[in-house]
Amino acid sequence: MEEQRFCGKALEGLTSSELCICGGIAAEFDLGAIMTIVRKVLDFLDDYIPQLIKGFKDGFNLVK
């Protein structure tokens, strides 16, 4: 049986070497660790975005 994948608007057959390559989520996928990283990034942005916006506004006013 020939395996197929959707490629653009046409189906394209897969070779045996392509079938051996697998991707996606591993069995040890840890959603908690990903959420911790996302939380740290959001906290960082929450701390520095107001200062960054103020700096852009001040700089823009100096250029006027």
PDB file of N, CA and C in Angstrom:
ATOM      1  N   MET A   1       0.845  -1.184   0.000  1.00  0.00           N
ATOM      2  CA  MET A   1       0.000   0.000   0.000  1.00  0.00           C
ATOM      3  C   MET A   1       0.888   1.244   0.000  1.00  0.00           C
ATOM      4  N   GLU A   2       0.625   2.147  -0.883  1.00  0.00           N
ATOM      5  CA  GLU A   2       1.441   3.352  -0.990  1.00  0.00           C
ATOM      6  C   GLU A   2       0.948   4.417  -0.021  1.00  0.00           C
ATOM      7  N   GLU A   3       1.875   4.928   0.817  1.00  0.00           N
ATOM      8  CA  GLU A   3       1.526   6.001   1.745  1.00  0.00           C
ATOM      9  C   GLU A   3       1.573   7.325   0.987  1.00  0.00           C
ATOM     10  N   GLN A   4       0.684   8.252   1.351  1.00  0.00           N
ATOM     11  CA  GLN A   4       0.651   9.540   0.672  1.00  0.00           C
ATOM     12  C   GLN A   4       0.531  10.654   1.692  1.00  0.00           C
ATOM     13  N   ARG A   5       0.981  11.814   1.295  1.00  0.00           N
ATOM     14  CA  ARG A   5       0.835  13.010   2.117  1.00  0.00           C
ATOM     15  C   ARG A   5       0.242  14.121   1.268  1.00  0.00           C
ATOM     16  N   PHE A   6      -0.327  15.080   1.930  1.00  0.00           N
ATOM     17  CA  PHE A   6      -0.927  16.206   1.229  1.00  0.00           C
ATOM     18  C   PHE A   6       0.149  17.253   1.010  1.00  0.00           C
ATOM     19  N   CYS A   7       0.424  17.594  -0.228  1.00  0.00           N
ATOM     20  CA  CYS A   7       1.466  18.554  -0.557  1.00  0.00           C
ATOM     21  C   CYS A   7       0.856  19.620  -1.458  1.00  0.00           C
ATOM     22  N   GLY A   8       0.618  20.792  -0.908  1.00  0.00           N
ATOM     23  CA  GLY A   8      -0.022  21.847  -1.688  1.00  0.00           C
ATOM     24  C   GLY A   8      -1.442  21.453  -2.008  1.00  0.00           C
ATOM     25  N   LYS A   9      -1.761  21.328  -3.280  1.00  0.00           N
ATOM     26  CA  LYS A   9      -3.111  20.933  -3.691  1.00  0.00           C
ATOM     27  C   LYS A   9      -3.128  19.530  -4.277  1.00  0.00           C
ATOM     28  N   ALA A  10      -1.971  18.878  -4.336  1.00  0.00           N
ATOM     29  CA  ALA A  10      -1.900  17.551  -4.932  1.00  0.00           C
ATOM     30  C   ALA A  10      -1.292  16.570  -3.939  1.00  0.00           C
ATOM     31  N   LEU A  11      -1.664  15.312  -4.050  1.00  0.00           N
ATOM     32  CA  LEU A  11      -1.072  14.283  -3.214  1.00  0.00           C
ATOM     33  C   LEU A  11       0.234  13.811  -3.825  1.00  0.00           C
ATOM     34  N   GLU A  12       1.210  13.584  -2.968  1.00  0.00           N
ATOM     35  CA  GLU A  12       2.517  13.165  -3.440  1.00  0.00           C
ATOM     36  C   GLU A  12       2.912  11.908  -2.672  1.00  0.00           C
ATOM     37  N   GLY A  13       3.420  10.913  -3.376  1.00  0.00           N
ATOM     38  CA  GLY A  13       3.823   9.673  -2.721  1.00  0.00           C
ATOM     39  C   GLY A  13       5.077   9.849  -1.893  1.00  0.00           C
ATOM     40  N   LEU A  14       5.178   9.107  -0.797  1.00  0.00           N
ATOM     41  CA  LEU A  14       6.355   9.157   0.062  1.00  0.00           C
ATOM     42  C   LEU A  14       7.288   7.993  -0.245  1.00  0.00           C
ATOM     43  N   THR A  15       8.572   8.259  -0.176  1.00  0.00           N
ATOM     44  CA  THR A  15       9.540   7.184  -0.340  1.00  0.00           C
ATOM     45  C   THR A  15       9.713   6.462   0.993  1.00  0.00           C
ATOM     46  N   SER A  16      10.388   5.316   0.968  1.00  0.00           N
ATOM     47  CA  SER A  16      10.576   4.562   2.204  1.00  0.00           C
ATOM     48  C   SER A  16      11.444   5.330   3.201  1.00  0.00           C
ATOM     49  N   SER A  17      12.420   6.101   2.705  1.00  0.00           N
ATOM     50  CA  SER A  17      13.252   6.879   3.625  1.00  0.00           C
ATOM     51  C   SER A  17      12.450   8.003   4.282  1.00  0.00           C
ATOM     52  N   GLU A  18      11.507   8.588   3.541  1.00  0.00           N
ATOM     53  CA  GLU A  18      10.655   9.614   4.132  1.00  0.00           C
ATOM     54  C   GLU A  18       9.706   9.020   5.164  1.00  0.00           C
ATOM     55  N   LEU A  19       9.297   7.792   4.959  1.00  0.00           N
ATOM     56  CA  LEU A  19       8.415   7.144   5.915  1.00  0.00           C
ATOM     57  C   LEU A  19       9.134   6.812   7.221  1.00  0.00           C
ATOM     58  N   CYS A  20      10.460   6.655   7.176  1.00  0.00           N
ATOM     59  CA  CYS A  20      11.231   6.344   8.379  1.00  0.00           C
ATOM     60  C   CYS A  20      11.423   7.571   9.261  1.00  0.00           C
ATOM     61  N   ILE A  21      11.309   8.746   8.680  1.00  0.00           N
ATOM     62  CA  ILE A  21      11.479   9.982   9.437  1.00  0.00           C
ATOM     63  C   ILE A  21      10.157  10.295  10.114  1.00  0.00           C
ATOM     64  N   CYS A  22      10.202  10.453  11.416  1.00  0.00           N
ATOM     65  CA  CYS A  22       8.960  10.790  12.117  1.00  0.00           C
ATOM     66  C   CYS A  22       9.175  12.068  12.903  1.00  0.00           C
ATOM     67  N   GLY A  23       8.169  12.840  13.032  1.00  0.00           N
ATOM     68  CA  GLY A  23       8.241  14.086  13.781  1.00  0.00           C
ATOM     69  C   GLY A  23       7.058  14.192  14.707  1.00  0.00           C
ATOM     70  N   GLY A  24       6.959  15.315  15.347  1.00  0.00           N
ATOM     71  CA  GLY A  24       5.838  15.522  16.246  1.00  0.00           C
ATOM     72  C   GLY A  24       6.284  15.498  17.690  1.00  0.00           C
ATOM     73  N   ILE A  25       5.365  15.161  18.542  1.00  0.00           N
ATOM     74  CA  ILE A  25       5.595  15.203  19.977  1.00  0.00           C
ATOM     75  C   ILE A  25       6.171  13.877  20.460  1.00  0.00           C
ATOM     76  N   ALA A  26       7.188  13.950  21.265  1.00  0.00           N
ATOM     77  CA  ALA A  26       7.763  12.742  21.852  1.00  0.00           C
ATOM     78  C   ALA A  26       6.900  12.286  23.024  1.00  0.00           C
ATOM     79  N   ALA A  27       7.116  11.075  23.457  1.00  0.00           N
ATOM     80  CA  ALA A  27       6.333  10.520  24.555  1.00  0.00           C
ATOM     81  C   ALA A  27       6.558  11.291  25.850  1.00  0.00           C
ATOM     82  N   GLU A  28       7.736  11.889  26.000  1.00  0.00           N
ATOM     83  CA  GLU A  28       8.026  12.630  27.220  1.00  0.00           C
ATOM     84  C   GLU A  28       7.710  14.121  27.092  1.00  0.00           C
ATOM     85  N   PHE A  29       6.734  14.452  26.282  1.00  0.00           N
ATOM     86  CA  PHE A  29       6.286  15.824  26.077  1.00  0.00           C
ATOM     87  C   PHE A  29       5.825  16.409  27.408  1.00  0.00           C
ATOM     88  N   ASP A  30       6.383  17.557  27.797  1.00  0.00           N
ATOM     89  CA  ASP A  30       6.091  18.149  29.096  1.00  0.00           C
ATOM     90  C   ASP A  30       5.442  19.516  28.895  1.00  0.00           C
ATOM     91  N   LEU A  31       4.142  19.551  28.971  1.00  0.00           N
ATOM     92  CA  LEU A  31       3.403  20.803  28.781  1.00  0.00           C
ATOM     93  C   LEU A  31       3.690  21.774  29.913  1.00  0.00           C
ATOM     94  N   GLY A  32       3.920  21.273  31.112  1.00  0.00           N
ATOM     95  CA  GLY A  32       4.209  22.140  32.255  1.00  0.00           C
ATOM     96  C   GLY A  32       5.471  22.952  32.053  1.00  0.00           C
ATOM     97  N   ALA A  33       6.522  22.331  31.496  1.00  0.00           N
ATOM     98  CA  ALA A  33       7.778  23.040  31.255  1.00  0.00           C
ATOM     99  C   ALA A  33       7.597  24.120  30.186  1.00  0.00           C
ATOM    100  N   ILE A  34       6.842  23.816  29.167  1.00  0.00           N
ATOM    101  CA  ILE A  34       6.592  24.805  28.117  1.00  0.00           C
ATOM    102  C   ILE A  34       5.799  25.981  28.672  1.00  0.00           C
ATOM    103  N   MET A  35       4.800  25.683  29.491  1.00  0.00           N
ATOM    104  CA  MET A  35       4.002  26.754  30.086  1.00  0.00           C
ATOM    105  C   MET A  35       4.840  27.616  31.028  1.00  0.00           C
ATOM    106  N   THR A  36       5.806  27.022  31.718  1.00  0.00           N
ATOM    107  CA  THR A  36       6.690  27.788  32.596  1.00  0.00           C
ATOM    108  C   THR A  36       7.544  28.758  31.788  1.00  0.00           C
ATOM    109  N   ILE A  37       8.054  28.315  30.669  1.00  0.00           N
ATOM    110  CA  ILE A  37       8.868  29.175  29.802  1.00  0.00           C
ATOM    111  C   ILE A  37       8.023  30.303  29.226  1.00  0.00           C
ATOM    112  N   VAL A  38       6.818  29.963  28.765  1.00  0.00           N
ATOM    113  CA  VAL A  38       5.918  30.989  28.214  1.00  0.00           C
ATOM    114  C   VAL A  38       5.589  32.019  29.288  1.00  0.00           C
ATOM    115  N   ARG A  39       5.353  31.556  30.518  1.00  0.00           N
ATOM    116  CA  ARG A  39       5.042  32.467  31.623  1.00  0.00           C
ATOM    117  C   ARG A  39       6.208  33.417  31.898  1.00  0.00           C
ATOM    118  N   LYS A  40       7.448  32.898  31.866  1.00  0.00           N
ATOM    119  CA  LYS A  40       8.622  33.743  32.103  1.00  0.00           C
ATOM    120  C   LYS A  40       8.767  34.802  31.021  1.00  0.00           C
ATOM    121  N   VAL A  41       8.510  34.420  29.770  1.00  0.00           N
ATOM    122  CA  VAL A  41       8.594  35.378  28.657  1.00  0.00           C
ATOM    123  C   VAL A  41       7.531  36.461  28.815  1.00  0.00           C
ATOM    124  N   LEU A  42       6.315  36.057  29.164  1.00  0.00           N
ATOM    125  CA  LEU A  42       5.239  37.043  29.344  1.00  0.00           C
ATOM    126  C   LEU A  42       5.517  37.971  30.520  1.00  0.00           C
ATOM    127  N   ASP A  43       6.066  37.438  31.602  1.00  0.00           N
ATOM    128  CA  ASP A  43       6.426  38.292  32.740  1.00  0.00           C
ATOM    129  C   ASP A  43       7.509  39.289  32.357  1.00  0.00           C
ATOM    130  N   PHE A  44       8.502  38.839  31.570  1.00  0.00           N
ATOM    131  CA  PHE A  44       9.558  39.726  31.109  1.00  0.00           C
ATOM    132  C   PHE A  44       8.978  40.858  30.264  1.00  0.00           C
ATOM    133  N   LEU A  45       8.109  40.500  29.321  1.00  0.00           N
ATOM    134  CA  LEU A  45       7.503  41.517  28.467  1.00  0.00           C
ATOM    135  C   LEU A  45       6.634  42.467  29.276  1.00  0.00           C
ATOM    136  N   ASP A  46       5.924  41.941  30.254  1.00  0.00           N
ATOM    137  CA  ASP A  46       5.068  42.778  31.096  1.00  0.00           C
ATOM    138  C   ASP A  46       5.897  43.793  31.880  1.00  0.00           C
ATOM    139  N   ASP A  47       7.111  43.419  32.273  1.00  0.00           N
ATOM    140  CA  ASP A  47       7.971  44.330  33.026  1.00  0.00           C
ATOM    141  C   ASP A  47       8.581  45.417  32.145  1.00  0.00           C
ATOM    142  N   TYR A  48       8.934  45.098  30.905  1.00  0.00           N
ATOM    143  CA  TYR A  48       9.734  46.018  30.094  1.00  0.00           C
ATOM    144  C   TYR A  48       9.002  46.712  28.951  1.00  0.00           C
ATOM    145  N   ILE A  49       7.840  46.246  28.565  1.00  0.00           N
ATOM    146  CA  ILE A  49       7.122  46.890  27.451  1.00  0.00           C
ATOM    147  C   ILE A  49       6.760  48.347  27.757  1.00  0.00           C
ATOM    148  N   PRO A  50       6.245  48.678  28.949  1.00  0.00           N
ATOM    149  CA  PRO A  50       5.929  50.096  29.199  1.00  0.00           C
ATOM    150  C   PRO A  50       7.152  51.011  29.085  1.00  0.00           C
ATOM    151  N   GLN A  51       8.308  50.567  29.586  1.00  0.00           N
ATOM    152  CA  GLN A  51       9.524  51.367  29.482  1.00  0.00           C
ATOM    153  C   GLN A  51       9.967  51.500  28.028  1.00  0.00           C
ATOM    154  N   LEU A  52       9.811  50.435  27.274  1.00  0.00           N
ATOM    155  CA  LEU A  52      10.193  50.450  25.861  1.00  0.00           C
ATOM    156  C   LEU A  52       9.315  51.419  25.073  1.00  0.00           C
ATOM    157  N   ILE A  53       8.023  51.388  25.316  1.00  0.00           N
ATOM    158  CA  ILE A  53       7.100  52.292  24.623  1.00  0.00           C
ATOM    159  C   ILE A  53       7.385  53.736  25.002  1.00  0.00           C
ATOM    160  N   LYS A  54       7.640  53.992  26.286  1.00  0.00           N
ATOM    161  CA  LYS A  54       7.968  55.350  26.728  1.00  0.00           C
ATOM    162  C   LYS A  54       9.240  55.837  26.041  1.00  0.00           C
ATOM    163  N   GLY A  55      10.242  54.973  25.913  1.00  0.00           N
ATOM    164  CA  GLY A  55      11.479  55.352  25.247  1.00  0.00           C
ATOM    165  C   GLY A  55      11.252  55.706  23.787  1.00  0.00           C
ATOM    166  N   PHE A  56      10.418  54.920  23.082  1.00  0.00           N
ATOM    167  CA  PHE A  56      10.111  55.241  21.684  1.00  0.00           C
ATOM    168  C   PHE A  56       9.379  56.573  21.573  1.00  0.00           C
ATOM    169  N   LYS A  57       8.432  56.809  22.468  1.00  0.00           N
ATOM    170  CA  LYS A  57       7.696  58.086  22.431  1.00  0.00           C
ATOM    171  C   LYS A  57       8.611  59.267  22.692  1.00  0.00           C
ATOM    172  N   ASP A  58       9.476  59.139  23.699  1.00  0.00           N
ATOM    173  CA  ASP A  58      10.422  60.214  23.995  1.00  0.00           C
ATOM    174  C   ASP A  58      11.369  60.473  22.834  1.00  0.00           C
ATOM    175  N   GLY A  59      11.867  59.420  22.225  1.00  0.00           N
ATOM    176  CA  GLY A  59      12.753  59.568  21.079  1.00  0.00           C
ATOM    177  C   GLY A  59      12.055  60.187  19.884  1.00  0.00           C
ATOM    178  N   PHE A  60      10.793  59.796  19.655  1.00  0.00           N
ATOM    179  CA  PHE A  60      10.041  60.360  18.543  1.00  0.00           C
ATOM    180  C   PHE A  60       9.787  61.841  18.763  1.00  0.00           C
ATOM    181  N   ASN A  61       9.515  62.212  20.017  1.00  0.00           N
ATOM    182  CA  ASN A  61       9.276  63.642  20.325  1.00  0.00           C
ATOM    183  C   ASN A  61      10.546  64.457  20.137  1.00  0.00           C
ATOM    184  N   LEU A  62      11.720  63.870  20.376  1.00  0.00           N
ATOM    185  CA  LEU A  62      12.964  64.591  20.158  1.00  0.00           C
ATOM    186  C   LEU A  62      13.230  64.835  18.676  1.00  0.00           C
ATOM    187  N   VAL A  63      12.765  63.926  17.828  1.00  0.00           N
ATOM    188  CA  VAL A  63      13.001  64.041  16.381  1.00  0.00           C
ATOM    189  C   VAL A  63      12.112  65.129  15.782  1.00  0.00           C
ATOM    190  N   LYS A  64      10.944  65.365  16.346  1.00  0.00           N
ATOM    191  CA  LYS A  64      10.001  66.359  15.787  1.00  0.00           C
ATOM    192  C   LYS A  64      10.588  67.716  15.709  1.00  0.00           C
TER     193      LYS A  64
END
